[in-house]
Amino acid sequence: MKATKYLLAALAFASFSSMAAIEITKEEAAKHTEIGPVTISQDGDDTVGIDHTRLSKAVDEKGGKYYVIIGREGKTTFETINAVAYK
C-alpha cells in the first residue's frame, strides 16, 4: 500500500514538472504560435536574477509551453519582467 502511494506521488510530481513552460530564443519562437504577453513583478536584488519558476507558472496558467523574455523594468529592489507566451 505504501509503495502505491509513493508511486502515485512520484508520477504526479513528474507530470507537473514536465508541464513547466521553458524559455526559448526569439528564433525558436518563430516556430510556435504566440499566445500573448505575460508579466510578473518581483522583489529582490540584482544578484537574484529572474524568477524563472514564477514566470514559467504564469505562462503555464495562460496555456503556454514556452516563453521569450522581452524586457525588464524597474530597479534592482523591485522589477517587472515582461515576456511573450507561446504554444
N, C-alpha and C. Protein backbone atom coordinates (compact mmCIF):
# COMPACT_ATOMS: atom_id res chain seq x y z
N MET A 1 0.82 -1.19 0.00
CA MET A 1 0.00 0.00 0.00
C MET A 1 0.87 1.26 0.00
N LYS A 2 1.95 1.26 0.82
CA LYS A 2 2.84 2.41 0.86
C LYS A 2 3.53 2.60 -0.49
N ALA A 3 3.89 1.49 -1.11
CA ALA A 3 4.56 1.58 -2.41
C ALA A 3 3.65 2.25 -3.44
N THR A 4 2.37 1.94 -3.39
CA THR A 4 1.41 2.54 -4.32
C THR A 4 1.32 4.05 -4.10
N LYS A 5 1.29 4.47 -2.84
CA LYS A 5 1.23 5.91 -2.53
C LYS A 5 2.47 6.63 -3.06
N TYR A 6 3.64 6.03 -2.83
CA TYR A 6 4.87 6.65 -3.29
C TYR A 6 4.93 6.70 -4.82
N LEU A 7 4.46 5.66 -5.46
CA LEU A 7 4.45 5.62 -6.91
C LEU A 7 3.53 6.70 -7.47
N LEU A 8 2.34 6.83 -6.90
CA LEU A 8 1.40 7.86 -7.35
C LEU A 8 1.96 9.26 -7.12
N ALA A 9 2.59 9.46 -5.98
CA ALA A 9 3.19 10.77 -5.69
C ALA A 9 4.30 11.09 -6.68
N ALA A 10 5.12 10.11 -7.00
CA ALA A 10 6.22 10.31 -7.95
C ALA A 10 5.68 10.61 -9.35
N LEU A 11 4.64 9.90 -9.76
CA LEU A 11 4.04 10.14 -11.07
C LEU A 11 3.40 11.52 -11.15
N ALA A 12 2.73 11.93 -10.09
CA ALA A 12 2.11 13.25 -10.06
C ALA A 12 3.18 14.34 -10.14
N PHE A 13 4.26 14.16 -9.39
CA PHE A 13 5.35 15.13 -9.42
C PHE A 13 5.97 15.21 -10.81
N ALA A 14 6.19 14.07 -11.42
CA ALA A 14 6.79 14.03 -12.76
C ALA A 14 5.89 14.70 -13.79
N SER A 15 4.59 14.47 -13.69
CA SER A 15 3.69 15.06 -14.68
C SER A 15 3.60 16.57 -14.52
N PHE A 16 3.61 17.07 -13.27
CA PHE A 16 3.57 18.51 -13.07
C PHE A 16 4.90 19.14 -13.48
N SER A 17 6.00 18.47 -13.21
CA SER A 17 7.30 19.00 -13.57
C SER A 17 7.46 19.11 -15.08
N SER A 18 6.93 18.15 -15.80
CA SER A 18 7.09 18.15 -17.24
C SER A 18 6.22 19.20 -17.92
N MET A 19 5.27 19.77 -17.21
CA MET A 19 4.37 20.75 -17.79
C MET A 19 4.92 22.18 -17.66
N ALA A 20 6.02 22.37 -17.00
CA ALA A 20 6.55 23.71 -16.79
C ALA A 20 7.00 24.33 -18.11
N ALA A 21 6.58 25.57 -18.34
CA ALA A 21 6.98 26.28 -19.55
C ALA A 21 8.48 26.56 -19.50
N ILE A 22 9.10 26.58 -20.67
CA ILE A 22 10.54 26.80 -20.74
C ILE A 22 10.86 28.03 -21.58
N GLU A 23 11.97 28.66 -21.26
CA GLU A 23 12.41 29.84 -22.00
C GLU A 23 13.03 29.39 -23.32
N ILE A 24 12.68 30.09 -24.41
CA ILE A 24 13.25 29.82 -25.72
C ILE A 24 13.77 31.12 -26.31
N THR A 25 14.50 31.02 -27.41
CA THR A 25 15.02 32.21 -28.08
C THR A 25 13.96 32.78 -29.02
N LYS A 26 14.19 34.00 -29.48
CA LYS A 26 13.27 34.62 -30.45
C LYS A 26 13.23 33.81 -31.74
N GLU A 27 14.36 33.24 -32.12
CA GLU A 27 14.41 32.43 -33.33
C GLU A 27 13.55 31.17 -33.18
N GLU A 28 13.64 30.52 -32.03
CA GLU A 28 12.82 29.33 -31.78
C GLU A 28 11.34 29.69 -31.70
N ALA A 29 11.04 30.88 -31.19
CA ALA A 29 9.65 31.32 -31.04
C ALA A 29 8.95 31.42 -32.39
N ALA A 30 9.69 31.68 -33.45
CA ALA A 30 9.10 31.81 -34.78
C ALA A 30 8.43 30.51 -35.23
N LYS A 31 8.81 29.39 -34.63
CA LYS A 31 8.24 28.08 -34.98
C LYS A 31 6.98 27.77 -34.19
N HIS A 32 6.60 28.65 -33.26
CA HIS A 32 5.47 28.39 -32.37
C HIS A 32 4.40 29.48 -32.52
N THR A 33 3.23 29.22 -31.95
CA THR A 33 2.12 30.16 -32.00
C THR A 33 2.13 31.06 -30.78
N GLU A 34 2.11 32.36 -31.01
CA GLU A 34 2.10 33.32 -29.90
C GLU A 34 0.74 33.34 -29.22
N ILE A 35 0.77 33.31 -27.88
CA ILE A 35 -0.46 33.38 -27.09
C ILE A 35 -0.71 34.81 -26.62
N GLY A 36 0.33 35.45 -26.12
CA GLY A 36 0.19 36.82 -25.64
C GLY A 36 1.20 37.16 -24.57
N PRO A 37 1.11 38.38 -24.04
CA PRO A 37 2.08 38.84 -23.05
C PRO A 37 1.86 38.23 -21.67
N VAL A 38 2.96 38.11 -20.95
CA VAL A 38 2.95 37.65 -19.56
C VAL A 38 3.88 38.58 -18.78
N THR A 39 3.42 39.02 -17.62
CA THR A 39 4.22 39.92 -16.80
C THR A 39 4.21 39.44 -15.36
N ILE A 40 5.39 39.45 -14.74
CA ILE A 40 5.49 39.17 -13.30
C ILE A 40 6.28 40.31 -12.66
N SER A 41 6.02 40.55 -11.39
CA SER A 41 6.79 41.51 -10.61
C SER A 41 7.50 40.76 -9.51
N GLN A 42 8.70 41.22 -9.19
CA GLN A 42 9.46 40.52 -8.15
C GLN A 42 10.26 41.50 -7.32
N ASP A 43 10.40 41.17 -6.05
CA ASP A 43 11.25 41.91 -5.13
C ASP A 43 12.59 41.21 -5.08
N GLY A 44 13.61 41.91 -4.66
CA GLY A 44 14.91 41.28 -4.52
C GLY A 44 16.01 42.24 -4.88
N ASP A 45 17.17 41.68 -5.17
CA ASP A 45 18.30 42.50 -5.60
C ASP A 45 18.84 41.93 -6.91
N ASP A 46 19.82 42.61 -7.46
CA ASP A 46 20.31 42.21 -8.77
C ASP A 46 21.08 40.90 -8.77
N THR A 47 21.38 40.34 -7.61
CA THR A 47 22.07 39.05 -7.57
C THR A 47 21.10 37.90 -7.71
N VAL A 48 19.80 38.17 -7.53
CA VAL A 48 18.79 37.12 -7.61
C VAL A 48 18.51 36.73 -9.05
N GLY A 49 18.44 37.69 -9.94
CA GLY A 49 18.10 37.42 -11.33
C GLY A 49 16.60 37.22 -11.51
N ILE A 50 16.23 36.69 -12.65
CA ILE A 50 14.82 36.49 -12.98
C ILE A 50 14.30 35.23 -12.30
N ASP A 51 13.11 35.34 -11.73
CA ASP A 51 12.46 34.19 -11.09
C ASP A 51 11.78 33.36 -12.19
N HIS A 52 12.54 32.46 -12.80
CA HIS A 52 12.01 31.66 -13.91
C HIS A 52 10.90 30.71 -13.45
N THR A 53 10.90 30.32 -12.20
CA THR A 53 9.84 29.43 -11.69
C THR A 53 8.50 30.15 -11.72
N ARG A 54 8.45 31.37 -11.22
CA ARG A 54 7.20 32.14 -11.24
C ARG A 54 6.78 32.50 -12.65
N LEU A 55 7.75 32.85 -13.48
CA LEU A 55 7.45 33.21 -14.87
C LEU A 55 6.90 31.99 -15.62
N SER A 56 7.51 30.85 -15.41
CA SER A 56 7.04 29.61 -16.04
C SER A 56 5.62 29.28 -15.60
N LYS A 57 5.34 29.46 -14.32
CA LYS A 57 4.00 29.19 -13.80
C LYS A 57 2.97 30.12 -14.44
N ALA A 58 3.33 31.40 -14.59
CA ALA A 58 2.42 32.36 -15.21
C ALA A 58 2.13 31.99 -16.67
N VAL A 59 3.15 31.51 -17.37
CA VAL A 59 2.96 31.07 -18.76
C VAL A 59 2.09 29.82 -18.80
N ASP A 60 2.33 28.88 -17.88
CA ASP A 60 1.50 27.67 -17.79
C ASP A 60 0.04 28.02 -17.60
N GLU A 61 -0.23 28.97 -16.70
CA GLU A 61 -1.61 29.37 -16.40
C GLU A 61 -2.29 30.00 -17.61
N LYS A 62 -1.50 30.56 -18.50
CA LYS A 62 -2.05 31.17 -19.72
C LYS A 62 -2.21 30.14 -20.84
N GLY A 63 -1.74 28.91 -20.59
CA GLY A 63 -1.86 27.84 -21.58
C GLY A 63 -0.65 27.69 -22.48
N GLY A 64 0.45 28.33 -22.11
CA GLY A 64 1.66 28.28 -22.93
C GLY A 64 2.61 27.17 -22.52
N LYS A 65 3.51 26.85 -23.44
CA LYS A 65 4.56 25.86 -23.18
C LYS A 65 5.94 26.50 -23.18
N TYR A 66 6.04 27.68 -23.82
CA TYR A 66 7.32 28.35 -23.98
C TYR A 66 7.15 29.84 -23.72
N TYR A 67 8.27 30.53 -23.48
CA TYR A 67 8.23 31.98 -23.34
C TYR A 67 9.54 32.60 -23.77
N VAL A 68 9.44 33.87 -24.19
CA VAL A 68 10.61 34.67 -24.55
C VAL A 68 10.55 35.92 -23.69
N ILE A 69 11.61 36.19 -22.96
CA ILE A 69 11.68 37.40 -22.15
C ILE A 69 11.99 38.57 -23.08
N ILE A 70 11.14 39.59 -23.02
CA ILE A 70 11.31 40.73 -23.92
C ILE A 70 11.76 42.00 -23.20
N GLY A 71 11.74 41.99 -21.87
CA GLY A 71 12.19 43.18 -21.16
C GLY A 71 12.13 43.06 -19.66
N ARG A 72 12.92 43.92 -19.02
CA ARG A 72 12.94 44.05 -17.57
C ARG A 72 12.84 45.53 -17.26
N GLU A 73 11.97 45.88 -16.33
CA GLU A 73 11.79 47.29 -15.96
C GLU A 73 11.88 47.42 -14.45
N GLY A 74 12.35 48.57 -14.00
CA GLY A 74 12.38 48.85 -12.58
C GLY A 74 13.78 48.88 -12.03
N LYS A 75 13.83 48.89 -10.71
CA LYS A 75 15.11 48.93 -10.01
C LYS A 75 15.47 47.53 -9.54
N THR A 76 16.67 47.40 -9.04
CA THR A 76 17.12 46.08 -8.60
C THR A 76 16.34 45.56 -7.40
N THR A 77 15.72 46.45 -6.62
CA THR A 77 14.97 46.01 -5.45
C THR A 77 13.53 45.64 -5.79
N PHE A 78 13.04 46.09 -6.93
CA PHE A 78 11.70 45.73 -7.38
C PHE A 78 11.68 45.89 -8.89
N GLU A 79 11.37 44.82 -9.59
CA GLU A 79 11.34 44.92 -11.03
C GLU A 79 10.20 44.11 -11.64
N THR A 80 9.87 44.47 -12.86
CA THR A 80 8.83 43.80 -13.62
C THR A 80 9.50 43.09 -14.79
N ILE A 81 9.14 41.82 -14.98
CA ILE A 81 9.67 41.03 -16.09
C ILE A 81 8.56 40.87 -17.12
N ASN A 82 8.84 41.24 -18.35
CA ASN A 82 7.87 41.12 -19.44
C ASN A 82 8.30 40.01 -20.38
N ALA A 83 7.35 39.16 -20.74
CA ALA A 83 7.64 38.05 -21.64
C ALA A 83 6.46 37.84 -22.58
N VAL A 84 6.67 37.03 -23.60
CA VAL A 84 5.61 36.63 -24.51
C VAL A 84 5.49 35.12 -24.42
N ALA A 85 4.26 34.63 -24.27
CA ALA A 85 4.00 33.19 -24.15
C ALA A 85 3.70 32.60 -25.53
N TYR A 86 4.12 31.36 -25.72
CA TYR A 86 3.90 30.62 -26.97
C TYR A 86 3.42 29.22 -26.66
N LYS A 87 2.73 28.63 -27.66
CA LYS A 87 2.36 27.22 -27.52
C LYS A 87 2.82 26.45 -28.73
